[in-house]
Amino acid sequence: MTDTAHTTRISQVGTVFVPVADQDRALEFYLDKLGFEKRADFPYDGDSRWIEVTPPGAANTIALVPPTEGESAGGDETHCAFATEDIEADHAVLRARGVDVDAEIARTGKRRSGIVSIEVTVGDPVPPQFFFRDTDGNRFLIVEPD
């Protein structure tokens, strides 16, 4: 029996916030380069704008938001990971579209940079995976689960 007095009712991951310097440029990248779809795009609070994009058919979305006041967009942090059914094909498509992707897909037996920081290395990544960066330098991981 679940202890409802001490348990949240959180049922899913909703939206991941990704700080971008130029929302129009970021929107173009996510739609044209990654093939995402736009789920929301509307003004709010005077001169602010809310934009959400997502892989087709996905439940979770990515909000392309201005950076927090006093901060810059982008950076070396990984905000989320995406799953793929064909890592070879996705790596090739993104490279062909000019996306900043790792030169090679990391596989068992090969070192790659860490998830949180490129200063750290992972000696034996499993399953196959690679990082890509958006136009602001935000880093994402693509993984082909076993």
Protein backbone atom coordinates (compact mmCIF):
# COMPACT_ATOMS: atom_id res chain seq x y z
CA MET A 1 0.00 0.00 0.00
CA THR A 2 1.30 3.47 -0.91
CA ASP A 3 1.76 5.99 1.88
CA THR A 4 -0.05 8.92 0.23
CA ALA A 5 0.83 11.29 3.08
CA HIS A 6 4.54 10.98 2.24
CA THR A 7 4.45 10.33 -1.51
CA THR A 8 4.19 12.87 -4.31
CA ARG A 9 1.76 12.53 -7.16
CA ILE A 10 4.40 13.30 -9.79
CA SER A 11 3.64 11.02 -12.71
CA GLN A 12 6.05 11.97 -15.49
CA VAL A 13 8.82 14.25 -16.66
CA GLY A 14 7.19 17.21 -18.37
CA THR A 15 9.38 19.87 -19.95
CA VAL A 16 13.14 20.27 -19.97
CA PHE A 17 14.28 23.93 -20.06
CA VAL A 18 17.14 24.70 -22.46
CA PRO A 19 18.60 28.22 -22.33
CA VAL A 20 19.11 29.78 -25.77
CA ALA A 21 20.39 33.20 -26.82
CA ASP A 22 18.08 33.56 -29.83
CA GLN A 23 14.76 31.72 -29.73
CA ASP A 24 14.12 32.03 -33.48
CA ARG A 25 17.56 30.63 -34.36
CA ALA A 26 17.13 27.82 -31.82
CA LEU A 27 13.64 27.00 -33.12
CA GLU A 28 14.99 26.74 -36.67
CA PHE A 29 17.77 24.38 -35.49
CA TYR A 30 15.45 22.06 -33.57
CA LEU A 31 12.89 21.92 -36.41
CA ASP A 32 15.19 21.82 -39.44
CA LYS A 33 18.30 20.04 -38.16
CA LEU A 34 16.80 17.65 -35.60
CA GLY A 35 13.41 17.12 -37.24
CA PHE A 36 11.50 18.02 -34.07
CA GLU A 37 7.97 19.40 -34.14
CA LYS A 38 6.76 22.61 -32.53
CA ARG A 39 4.19 22.03 -29.78
CA ALA A 40 3.83 25.58 -28.47
CA ASP A 41 4.86 29.10 -29.48
CA PHE A 42 3.11 32.03 -27.86
CA PRO A 43 3.83 35.38 -26.19
CA TYR A 44 3.32 35.90 -22.48
CA ASP A 45 3.99 38.51 -19.82
CA GLY A 46 4.44 41.36 -22.27
CA ASP A 47 7.61 40.71 -24.26
CA SER A 48 8.36 37.10 -23.28
CA ARG A 49 7.84 34.09 -25.55
CA TRP A 50 7.22 30.42 -24.70
CA ILE A 51 8.39 27.82 -27.24
CA GLU A 52 8.22 24.04 -26.86
CA VAL A 53 9.63 21.49 -29.31
CA THR A 54 9.76 17.70 -29.19
CA PRO A 55 10.69 14.66 -31.26
CA PRO A 56 7.58 13.56 -33.22
CA GLY A 57 5.25 11.53 -31.01
CA ALA A 58 7.21 12.13 -27.78
CA ALA A 59 5.39 12.93 -24.54
CA ASN A 60 8.09 15.21 -23.10
CA THR A 61 9.00 18.58 -24.56
CA ILE A 62 11.97 20.93 -24.62
CA ALA A 63 11.30 24.59 -23.81
CA LEU A 64 13.61 26.99 -25.64
CA VAL A 65 13.93 29.69 -23.00
CA PRO A 66 16.06 32.81 -22.60
CA PRO A 67 18.94 32.34 -20.15
CA THR A 68 18.41 33.15 -16.49
CA GLU A 69 19.10 36.81 -15.79
CA GLY A 70 22.83 37.39 -15.54
CA GLU A 71 23.67 34.00 -17.12
CA SER A 72 24.61 33.07 -20.66
CA ALA A 73 22.97 30.54 -22.94
CA GLY A 74 24.61 27.24 -23.76
CA GLY A 75 27.50 25.57 -22.10
CA ASP A 76 28.92 22.17 -21.57
CA GLU A 77 26.08 20.74 -19.49
CA THR A 78 23.99 17.87 -20.76
CA HIS A 79 20.35 18.77 -20.28
CA CYS A 80 18.84 15.48 -21.38
CA ALA A 81 19.39 12.32 -23.39
CA PHE A 82 17.41 11.13 -26.37
CA ALA A 83 16.78 7.50 -27.30
CA THR A 84 17.07 6.23 -30.86
CA GLU A 85 16.38 2.94 -32.58
CA ASP A 86 19.21 3.45 -35.10
CA ILE A 87 22.21 5.34 -33.76
CA GLU A 88 24.24 4.88 -36.95
CA ALA A 89 21.54 6.46 -39.11
CA ASP A 90 20.93 9.35 -36.71
CA HIS A 91 24.64 10.08 -36.36
CA ALA A 92 24.99 10.16 -40.18
CA VAL A 93 21.88 12.33 -40.70
CA LEU A 94 22.91 14.89 -38.08
CA ARG A 95 26.46 15.11 -39.49
CA ALA A 96 25.05 15.57 -43.01
CA ARG A 97 22.82 18.38 -41.74
CA GLY A 98 25.83 20.16 -40.27
CA VAL A 99 25.03 19.50 -36.61
CA ASP A 100 28.01 19.58 -34.23
CA VAL A 101 28.18 15.87 -33.33
CA ASP A 102 30.95 13.75 -31.82
CA ALA A 103 33.21 12.40 -34.57
CA GLU A 104 32.55 8.81 -33.48
CA ILE A 105 29.85 6.86 -31.74
CA ALA A 106 31.10 5.72 -28.33
CA ARG A 107 30.83 1.99 -27.85
CA THR A 108 31.89 -0.64 -25.38
CA GLY A 109 35.65 -0.56 -25.04
CA LYS A 110 36.10 3.09 -26.10
CA ARG A 111 36.46 6.07 -23.77
CA ARG A 112 34.25 9.14 -24.16
CA SER A 113 33.64 12.37 -22.29
CA GLY A 114 31.37 12.28 -19.28
CA ILE A 115 27.72 13.19 -19.16
CA VAL A 116 28.05 16.11 -16.78
CA SER A 117 31.47 17.37 -17.89
CA ILE A 118 33.87 16.82 -20.77
CA GLU A 119 36.66 17.00 -18.19
CA VAL A 120 35.66 13.53 -16.98
CA THR A 121 35.89 10.41 -19.12
CA VAL A 122 33.86 7.22 -19.09
CA GLY A 123 35.96 4.19 -19.85
CA ASP A 124 33.38 1.79 -21.17
CA PRO A 125 30.12 3.40 -22.27
CA VAL A 126 27.22 1.06 -22.78
CA PRO A 127 25.02 1.24 -24.84
CA PRO A 128 26.23 3.01 -28.05
CA GLN A 129 25.96 6.79 -27.69
CA PHE A 130 27.17 10.17 -28.92
CA PHE A 131 26.83 13.81 -27.99
CA PHE A 132 25.61 16.67 -30.17
CA ARG A 133 25.52 20.38 -29.51
CA ASP A 134 22.88 22.92 -30.53
CA THR A 135 23.60 26.41 -31.88
CA ASP A 136 24.20 27.72 -28.33
CA GLY A 137 26.54 24.89 -27.35
CA ASN A 138 23.99 23.05 -25.20
CA ARG A 139 25.12 19.42 -25.17
CA PHE A 140 22.75 16.45 -25.56
CA LEU A 141 23.29 12.70 -25.55
CA ILE A 142 21.77 10.27 -28.05
CA VAL A 143 21.66 6.65 -26.90
CA GLU A 144 20.58 3.43 -28.57
CA PRO A 145 19.22 1.34 -25.69
CA ASP A 146 19.82 -2.40 -25.75
